[in-house]
Amino acid sequence: MDHVRVTRTAGALVLAGLITVAGPAGPATAAGAAGPCTPKILVLGALGDDTYARDVPPGQGVMDLGAGDLAVGVSDHKPVYWTGTTPHRVPLRDPDETGKVLAVNAHGLMVGVLHGSEGTTLFTYRQGAAAVTPLPDSDGSDGEADVNDAGYVVSRSKSWIGTVWKDGRKVRELPVPADAGPGTRIKMVTGINRAGDILGQAEQDYEVPETGEHMQGTYPVLWPADGTASRLPAPTGTGTMEESYVQDLDDSTRIVGYDWSGPWHEYTPWVWTPPHTGPGTSPGTLSTHPYGTFEAISPTTGLSVGTAKFHPEEMTLPDQAQVWPGSGPVMALPRLAPGKASMADAVSDDGRVGWAAVNGAGKLRPVVWTCAIKQAYHPGS
């Protein structure tokens, strides 16, 4: 995972607040709308660096949502969690370390990544603890890890092996699929659901000695809770310039992510549904944007979220947070300020969506859309 070192300025605590959204109305009831609620954009408190640059890892943002009003993520390039709109620092071993909280389970167990003078490592943390718990042999440099409600943490080890930790100890390694060719390793592990099904991506990089042929490519992998490994059919190509990124899975093993074509910056939201016998489908992109991603899906309600995009050299409109209730077209979430970028990276069963948005002054803010599907809309309608 890329990260940026910054110098904090004095008095850098940004005041939190909330915005009651007035704009295009979404459906009254849909996936992710758990009972009566008031659609708002909650602007969370921040610790420092609030600059925004497209396609540069942001210093602010909500990366996952826990029970109640708990959110986790990054602020001023430091790992933080929020209760309501109030930010709290995760205690660091070294004040110069940077990092993020990547995920949190229903019981408040967090997993995150730290970047320091001794390299990159994953950690777990619980609210109120005096220190983090480093995970042995963990890497975290790809910025991917997850934790389920049973407390199992998944990510990639320093040896490029998919790995499972529990209670601070390494408990299992994930196999490559049986049909994997030579030179295959695990590129990333991105998700685990309540049942223990695990999601990730493998890559092959191998030169055949006899012919000199270079075997290279990536593909998504599902590790069912029974301990096996299966290769998921990719929607299109599997070369170095076209990849299928699987980002999250729900309790039914519905998988979301995106198809990526590198030189053209083309992102297509993608969904794989059980029993995973085909290459999946795309619900299309937001009507105002040619490209987009899915980054997360709620555990049981089928609500998927991501970001609508343009090619960086053809920016007709800024990026915009988007949601998909599991059927029909993709919908937009209101921007924090007209004409300013927004992004979505986290979603919960109670309909909250989180990540970051740019305000009217051009400053990046960590945000949570409450009752997101109720404020989602079809652009131009």
Protein backbone atom coordinates (compact mmCIF):
# COMPACT_ATOMS: atom_id res chain seq x y z
CA MET A 1 0.00 0.00 0.00
CA ASP A 2 1.31 3.43 -0.89
CA HIS A 3 1.58 5.93 1.91
CA VAL A 4 2.67 9.52 2.30
CA ARG A 5 4.68 11.04 5.11
CA VAL A 6 3.43 14.46 6.16
CA THR A 7 4.27 17.09 8.73
CA ARG A 8 1.34 17.91 10.95
CA THR A 9 0.42 21.51 11.45
CA ALA A 10 -0.43 22.97 14.81
CA GLY A 11 -4.07 22.96 15.69
CA ALA A 12 -4.94 20.52 12.92
CA LEU A 13 -8.04 19.02 14.49
CA VAL A 14 -10.86 19.65 12.02
CA LEU A 15 -14.27 20.24 13.50
CA ALA A 16 -16.85 17.57 12.75
CA GLY A 17 -20.40 18.14 11.68
CA LEU A 18 -23.24 16.81 9.65
CA ILE A 19 -25.13 17.84 6.57
CA THR A 20 -28.78 17.05 6.06
CA VAL A 21 -29.07 16.19 2.42
CA ALA A 22 -31.56 18.04 0.30
CA GLY A 23 -31.59 16.76 -3.24
CA PRO A 24 -32.79 13.94 -5.43
CA ALA A 25 -34.70 11.42 -3.37
CA GLY A 26 -33.89 7.72 -3.49
CA PRO A 27 -36.21 4.75 -3.03
CA ALA A 28 -38.19 4.71 0.19
CA THR A 29 -37.24 1.10 0.91
CA ALA A 30 -34.44 -0.94 -0.56
CA ALA A 31 -31.36 -2.94 0.31
CA GLY A 32 -29.44 -1.41 3.17
CA ALA A 33 -32.37 0.65 4.48
CA ALA A 34 -32.85 -0.92 7.90
CA GLY A 35 -35.94 0.74 9.33
CA PRO A 36 -36.70 4.45 9.81
CA CYS A 37 -33.72 6.78 9.61
CA THR A 38 -32.74 10.24 8.43
CA PRO A 39 -30.51 10.46 5.36
CA LYS A 40 -27.47 12.63 6.13
CA ILE A 41 -23.85 13.07 5.21
CA LEU A 42 -21.93 12.94 8.47
CA VAL A 43 -18.63 14.80 8.25
CA LEU A 44 -16.28 13.14 10.71
CA GLY A 45 -13.58 14.85 12.71
CA ALA A 46 -10.07 14.79 11.27
CA LEU A 47 -6.55 15.02 12.68
CA GLY A 48 -4.67 16.79 9.92
CA ASP A 49 -3.75 16.55 6.25
CA ASP A 50 -6.87 17.25 4.21
CA THR A 51 -5.39 17.61 0.73
CA TYR A 52 -7.05 15.84 -2.17
CA ALA A 53 -5.37 14.55 -5.32
CA ARG A 54 -7.10 12.03 -7.55
CA ASP A 55 -5.55 8.54 -7.59
CA VAL A 56 -3.18 9.42 -4.73
CA PRO A 57 -3.76 7.45 -1.48
CA PRO A 58 -5.75 9.89 0.68
CA GLY A 59 -4.80 10.90 4.18
CA GLN A 60 -8.45 10.88 5.30
CA GLY A 61 -11.19 8.32 4.96
CA VAL A 62 -13.52 5.72 6.46
CA MET A 63 -12.42 2.22 5.46
CA ASP A 64 -14.97 0.12 7.38
CA LEU A 65 -18.02 0.45 9.61
CA GLY A 66 -18.60 -1.34 12.89
CA ALA A 67 -21.58 -1.73 15.21
CA GLY A 68 -23.51 1.35 16.29
CA ASP A 69 -21.68 4.53 15.33
CA LEU A 70 -18.19 2.99 15.14
CA ALA A 71 -16.14 3.69 12.02
CA VAL A 72 -12.46 2.97 11.27
CA GLY A 73 -9.93 4.25 8.78
CA VAL A 74 -7.24 6.87 8.38
CA SER A 75 -6.75 10.52 9.29
CA ASP A 76 -3.57 12.53 8.74
CA HIS A 77 -2.10 9.23 7.44
CA LYS A 78 -2.51 7.72 10.93
CA PRO A 79 -4.71 4.76 11.93
CA VAL A 80 -7.86 6.00 13.68
CA TYR A 81 -11.36 5.04 14.67
CA TRP A 82 -14.40 7.22 15.22
CA THR A 83 -17.25 7.05 17.69
CA GLY A 84 -19.92 9.20 16.16
CA THR A 85 -17.94 12.03 14.56
CA THR A 86 -15.12 12.04 17.13
CA PRO A 87 -11.74 10.70 15.96
CA HIS A 88 -9.54 8.58 18.24
CA ARG A 89 -5.91 7.73 17.59
CA VAL A 90 -4.78 4.12 17.62
CA PRO A 91 -1.72 4.06 19.94
CA LEU A 92 1.47 3.65 17.93
CA ARG A 93 4.74 1.99 18.90
CA ASP A 94 6.59 4.84 17.18
CA PRO A 95 5.03 8.31 16.75
CA ASP A 96 6.59 8.55 13.28
CA GLU A 97 4.70 5.49 12.02
CA THR A 98 1.90 5.95 9.52
CA GLY A 99 -0.93 3.57 8.74
CA LYS A 100 -4.62 2.80 8.50
CA VAL A 101 -7.30 0.73 10.17
CA LEU A 102 -8.52 -1.43 7.31
CA ALA A 103 -11.44 -3.33 8.84
CA VAL A 104 -13.46 -3.92 12.02
CA ASN A 105 -15.79 -6.73 13.02
CA ALA A 106 -19.13 -6.59 14.83
CA HIS A 107 -17.39 -6.97 18.20
CA GLY A 108 -14.99 -4.06 17.71
CA LEU A 109 -11.85 -6.01 16.78
CA MET A 110 -9.88 -3.91 14.30
CA VAL A 111 -7.14 -4.88 11.86
CA GLY A 112 -4.83 -2.33 10.32
CA VAL A 113 -1.43 -1.70 8.78
CA LEU A 114 1.57 0.24 10.05
CA HIS A 115 4.47 1.65 8.04
CA GLY A 116 7.59 2.36 10.05
CA SER A 117 11.37 2.34 9.99
CA GLU A 118 11.38 -1.45 10.32
CA GLY A 119 9.01 -2.04 7.43
CA THR A 120 5.31 -2.76 7.09
CA THR A 121 3.22 -4.97 9.34
CA LEU A 122 -0.39 -5.72 10.23
CA PHE A 123 -1.85 -5.25 13.68
CA THR A 124 -5.04 -5.86 15.61
CA TYR A 125 -6.51 -3.45 18.14
CA ARG A 126 -9.53 -3.07 20.41
CA GLN A 127 -10.97 0.23 21.53
CA GLY A 128 -9.36 1.36 24.78
CA ALA A 129 -6.36 -1.00 24.63
CA ALA A 130 -2.99 0.47 25.54
CA ALA A 131 -1.20 -0.89 22.48
CA VAL A 132 -1.66 -2.67 19.19
CA THR A 133 -0.91 -6.37 18.69
CA PRO A 134 1.44 -6.94 15.72
CA LEU A 135 0.67 -10.03 13.63
CA PRO A 136 3.68 -12.31 13.06
CA ASP A 137 4.97 -12.77 9.48
CA SER A 138 2.40 -10.26 8.20
CA ASP A 139 3.05 -7.86 5.37
CA GLY A 140 0.24 -5.40 4.69
CA SER A 141 2.13 -3.53 1.98
CA ASP A 142 -0.71 -4.26 -0.46
CA GLY A 143 -3.15 -2.46 1.86
CA GLU A 144 -5.50 -5.44 2.08
CA ALA A 145 -6.72 -7.31 5.17
CA ASP A 146 -10.04 -8.24 6.75
CA VAL A 147 -11.45 -9.67 9.98
CA ASN A 148 -14.67 -11.61 10.54
CA ASP A 149 -16.95 -11.73 13.58
CA ALA A 150 -15.21 -14.86 14.90
CA GLY A 151 -11.96 -12.88 15.09
CA TYR A 152 -10.11 -14.49 12.18
CA VAL A 153 -7.83 -12.06 10.35
CA VAL A 154 -6.82 -12.69 6.73
CA SER A 155 -4.15 -11.11 4.57
CA ARG A 156 -0.94 -11.95 2.72
CA SER A 157 2.26 -12.88 4.55
CA LYS A 158 5.74 -11.60 3.83
CA SER A 159 6.27 -14.79 1.83
CA TRP A 160 3.36 -13.98 -0.51
CA ILE A 161 1.21 -16.70 1.05
CA GLY A 162 -2.43 -16.20 2.00
CA THR A 163 -2.54 -16.40 5.78
CA VAL A 164 -5.06 -16.56 8.64
CA TRP A 165 -4.39 -15.24 12.16
CA LYS A 166 -6.42 -15.62 15.36
CA ASP A 167 -5.74 -14.02 18.76
CA GLY A 168 -2.46 -12.60 17.49
CA ARG A 169 -1.14 -15.96 16.22
CA LYS A 170 -0.76 -17.40 12.75
CA VAL A 171 -3.12 -20.39 12.50
CA ARG A 172 -3.33 -21.36 8.83
CA GLU A 173 -1.95 -20.80 5.35
CA LEU A 174 -4.19 -20.70 2.29
CA PRO A 175 -3.37 -23.04 -0.60
CA VAL A 176 -3.15 -22.00 -4.23
CA PRO A 177 -5.85 -23.61 -6.42
CA ALA A 178 -5.15 -27.17 -7.55
CA ASP A 179 -4.97 -26.07 -11.18
CA ALA A 180 -2.50 -23.25 -10.45
CA GLY A 181 0.56 -23.35 -12.64
CA PRO A 182 4.20 -23.11 -11.52
CA GLY A 183 5.33 -19.77 -10.15
CA THR A 184 1.90 -18.99 -8.65
CA ARG A 185 1.70 -17.00 -5.44
CA ILE A 186 -0.99 -15.03 -3.61
CA LYS A 187 -1.03 -11.38 -4.62
CA MET A 188 -3.60 -10.26 -2.05
CA VAL A 189 -6.29 -11.47 0.35
CA THR A 190 -9.20 -9.04 0.45
CA GLY A 191 -12.10 -10.44 2.47
CA ILE A 192 -13.56 -13.00 4.86
CA ASN A 193 -17.24 -13.48 5.72
CA ARG A 194 -18.91 -14.77 8.87
CA ALA A 195 -18.80 -18.40 7.68
CA GLY A 196 -15.05 -18.20 7.05
CA ASP A 197 -15.11 -18.06 3.24
CA ILE A 198 -12.07 -16.07 2.09
CA LEU A 199 -11.46 -14.00 -1.04
CA GLY A 200 -8.30 -12.93 -2.82
CA GLN A 201 -6.19 -12.85 -5.94
CA ALA A 202 -3.39 -15.10 -7.25
CA GLU A 203 -0.70 -14.24 -9.75
CA GLN A 204 1.62 -16.35 -11.89
CA ASP A 205 5.05 -15.22 -13.03
CA TYR A 206 7.05 -18.08 -14.52
CA GLU A 207 9.39 -18.69 -17.43
CA VAL A 208 9.24 -22.16 -18.99
CA PRO A 209 12.87 -23.39 -19.06
CA GLU A 210 12.45 -25.50 -22.19
CA THR A 211 10.86 -22.84 -24.38
CA GLY A 212 11.56 -19.52 -22.69
CA GLU A 213 7.80 -18.79 -22.72
CA HIS A 214 6.81 -16.34 -20.01
CA MET A 215 3.65 -17.37 -18.15
CA GLN A 216 2.23 -14.27 -16.49
CA GLY A 217 -1.23 -13.22 -15.28
CA THR A 218 -3.59 -12.87 -12.36
CA TYR A 219 -6.98 -14.30 -11.41
CA PRO A 220 -9.42 -14.14 -8.48
CA VAL A 221 -9.56 -16.95 -5.92
CA LEU A 222 -12.22 -18.09 -3.44
CA TRP A 223 -11.22 -20.19 -0.45
CA PRO A 224 -14.44 -21.78 0.90
CA ALA A 225 -14.63 -22.38 4.62
CA ASP A 226 -13.93 -26.10 4.02
CA GLY A 227 -10.26 -25.26 3.37
CA THR A 228 -10.17 -25.79 -0.40
CA ALA A 229 -9.27 -23.23 -3.05
CA SER A 230 -11.11 -22.48 -6.29
CA ARG A 231 -10.20 -20.27 -9.20
CA LEU A 232 -12.96 -17.80 -10.15
CA PRO A 233 -13.58 -17.24 -13.86
CA ALA A 234 -12.32 -13.82 -14.85
CA PRO A 235 -14.67 -11.58 -16.86
CA THR A 236 -12.13 -10.78 -19.57
CA GLY A 237 -8.38 -11.00 -19.88
CA THR A 238 -5.88 -12.12 -17.27
CA GLY A 239 -2.70 -10.47 -18.53
CA THR A 240 -0.59 -7.87 -16.78
CA MET A 241 -2.61 -5.03 -18.33
CA GLU A 242 -6.05 -6.45 -17.53
CA GLU A 243 -7.02 -7.83 -14.14
CA SER A 244 -10.06 -8.85 -12.14
CA TYR A 245 -9.96 -7.29 -8.69
CA VAL A 246 -12.23 -9.01 -6.17
CA GLN A 247 -12.72 -6.63 -3.25
CA ASP A 248 -15.34 -8.07 -0.89
CA LEU A 249 -17.85 -10.88 -0.33
CA ASP A 250 -21.05 -11.19 1.67
CA ASP A 251 -22.36 -14.06 3.79
CA SER A 252 -23.86 -15.78 0.73
CA THR A 253 -20.46 -15.54 -1.08
CA ARG A 254 -21.72 -12.92 -3.48
CA ILE A 255 -18.52 -11.21 -4.57
CA VAL A 256 -17.98 -7.64 -5.79
CA GLY A 257 -15.02 -5.93 -7.39
CA TYR A 258 -14.07 -4.57 -10.75
CA ASP A 259 -12.44 -5.41 -14.04
CA TRP A 260 -9.43 -3.20 -14.70
CA SER A 261 -7.68 -2.36 -17.97
CA GLY A 262 -4.49 -0.64 -16.96
CA PRO A 263 -3.22 1.56 -19.80
CA TRP A 264 -6.70 2.91 -20.43
CA HIS A 265 -7.71 3.46 -16.77
CA GLU A 266 -10.90 1.54 -17.49
CA TYR A 267 -12.76 0.26 -14.43
CA THR A 268 -15.95 -1.79 -14.75
CA PRO A 269 -17.98 -2.76 -11.63
CA TRP A 270 -18.30 -6.53 -11.46
CA VAL A 271 -20.30 -9.12 -9.50
CA TRP A 272 -19.74 -12.85 -9.10
CA THR A 273 -22.72 -14.83 -7.76
CA PRO A 274 -22.77 -18.36 -6.30
CA PRO A 275 -22.19 -21.09 -7.38
CA HIS A 276 -19.49 -19.14 -9.27
CA THR A 277 -19.57 -21.24 -12.40
CA GLY A 278 -19.39 -18.30 -14.80
CA PRO A 279 -17.36 -15.12 -15.22
CA GLY A 280 -19.90 -12.95 -13.41
CA THR A 281 -21.75 -9.90 -14.67
CA SER A 282 -21.65 -6.13 -14.50
CA PRO A 283 -24.65 -3.94 -13.62
CA GLY A 284 -23.07 -1.21 -15.73
CA THR A 285 -21.72 2.16 -14.73
CA LEU A 286 -23.28 5.33 -13.40
CA SER A 287 -25.06 7.10 -16.27
CA THR A 288 -22.80 10.15 -15.93
CA HIS A 289 -19.46 8.29 -15.82
CA PRO A 290 -17.95 5.72 -18.20
CA TYR A 291 -16.08 3.74 -15.54
CA GLY A 292 -16.51 2.66 -11.92
CA THR A 293 -15.63 0.21 -9.16
CA PHE A 294 -17.26 -1.83 -6.45
CA GLU A 295 -15.19 -1.82 -3.26
CA ALA A 296 -17.50 -3.39 -0.65
CA ILE A 297 -20.78 -5.25 -0.13
CA SER A 298 -22.89 -5.35 3.04
CA PRO A 299 -22.91 -8.71 4.88
CA THR A 300 -26.57 -9.63 4.32
CA THR A 301 -28.52 -6.87 2.52
CA GLY A 302 -26.79 -6.95 -0.87
CA LEU A 303 -25.86 -3.27 -0.96
CA SER A 304 -22.65 -2.66 -2.94
CA VAL A 305 -20.64 0.56 -3.04
CA GLY A 306 -17.78 2.04 -5.00
CA THR A 307 -16.71 5.02 -7.04
CA ALA A 308 -17.71 6.25 -10.51
CA LYS A 309 -14.74 7.44 -12.57
CA PHE A 310 -13.47 9.08 -15.72
CA HIS A 311 -10.14 8.63 -17.46
CA PRO A 312 -7.72 11.08 -15.77
CA GLU A 313 -7.11 12.86 -19.09
CA GLU A 314 -10.83 13.12 -19.85
CA MET A 315 -12.25 14.40 -16.57
CA THR A 316 -15.66 15.63 -17.63
CA LEU A 317 -16.87 15.21 -14.04
CA PRO A 318 -15.08 14.47 -10.75
CA ASP A 319 -15.30 11.00 -9.21
CA GLN A 320 -18.56 10.26 -7.41
CA ALA A 321 -19.57 7.75 -4.73
CA GLN A 322 -22.04 5.19 -6.05
CA VAL A 323 -24.29 2.45 -4.67
CA TRP A 324 -26.07 -0.56 -6.13
CA PRO A 325 -28.91 -2.33 -4.25
CA GLY A 326 -28.36 -5.66 -6.03
CA SER A 327 -30.64 -5.11 -9.01
CA GLY A 328 -31.39 -2.35 -11.48
CA PRO A 329 -28.93 0.40 -12.42
CA VAL A 330 -26.13 1.83 -10.32
CA MET A 331 -27.08 5.03 -8.45
CA ALA A 332 -25.18 8.09 -7.27
CA LEU A 333 -24.75 9.33 -3.72
CA PRO A 334 -24.97 13.10 -3.12
CA ARG A 335 -21.71 14.99 -3.18
CA LEU A 336 -20.57 16.90 -0.12
CA ALA A 337 -20.29 20.01 -2.32
CA PRO A 338 -21.44 20.61 -5.90
CA GLY A 339 -18.81 19.68 -8.47
CA LYS A 340 -16.45 18.14 -5.88
CA ALA A 341 -15.20 14.56 -5.76
CA SER A 342 -16.53 11.82 -3.49
CA MET A 343 -15.63 8.15 -2.99
CA ALA A 344 -17.19 5.11 -1.25
CA ASP A 345 -15.24 2.22 0.24
CA ALA A 346 -17.32 0.79 3.12
CA VAL A 347 -20.93 -0.29 3.70
CA SER A 348 -22.91 -1.80 6.57
CA ASP A 349 -26.16 -3.76 6.92
CA ASP A 350 -27.82 -0.72 8.52
CA GLY A 351 -27.35 1.27 5.32
CA ARG A 352 -24.34 3.39 6.21
CA VAL A 353 -21.72 4.05 3.52
CA GLY A 354 -18.29 5.50 4.23
CA TRP A 355 -15.04 6.83 2.78
CA ALA A 356 -14.31 10.46 1.84
CA ALA A 357 -15.55 13.56 0.00
CA VAL A 358 -14.26 17.00 -0.91
CA ASN A 359 -15.98 20.04 0.57
CA GLY A 360 -16.67 23.42 -1.00
CA ALA A 361 -13.23 24.70 0.03
CA GLY A 362 -11.52 21.83 -1.76
CA LYS A 363 -10.60 20.00 1.46
CA LEU A 364 -10.91 16.23 1.81
CA ARG A 365 -13.12 15.03 4.66
CA PRO A 366 -13.91 11.57 6.05
CA VAL A 367 -17.66 11.05 5.65
CA VAL A 368 -20.48 8.60 6.32
CA TRP A 369 -23.73 8.63 4.37
CA THR A 370 -26.51 7.41 6.68
CA CYS A 371 -29.48 5.57 5.14
CA ALA A 372 -27.51 5.72 1.93
CA ILE A 373 -30.01 4.07 -0.37
CA LYS A 374 -32.68 6.57 0.70
CA GLN A 375 -30.55 9.44 -0.58
CA ALA A 376 -29.23 7.66 -3.67
CA TYR A 377 -30.52 8.90 -7.01
CA HIS A 378 -30.34 8.36 -10.75
CA PRO A 379 -28.42 11.30 -12.29
CA GLY A 380 -30.52 13.25 -14.75
CA SER A 381 -33.82 11.86 -13.49
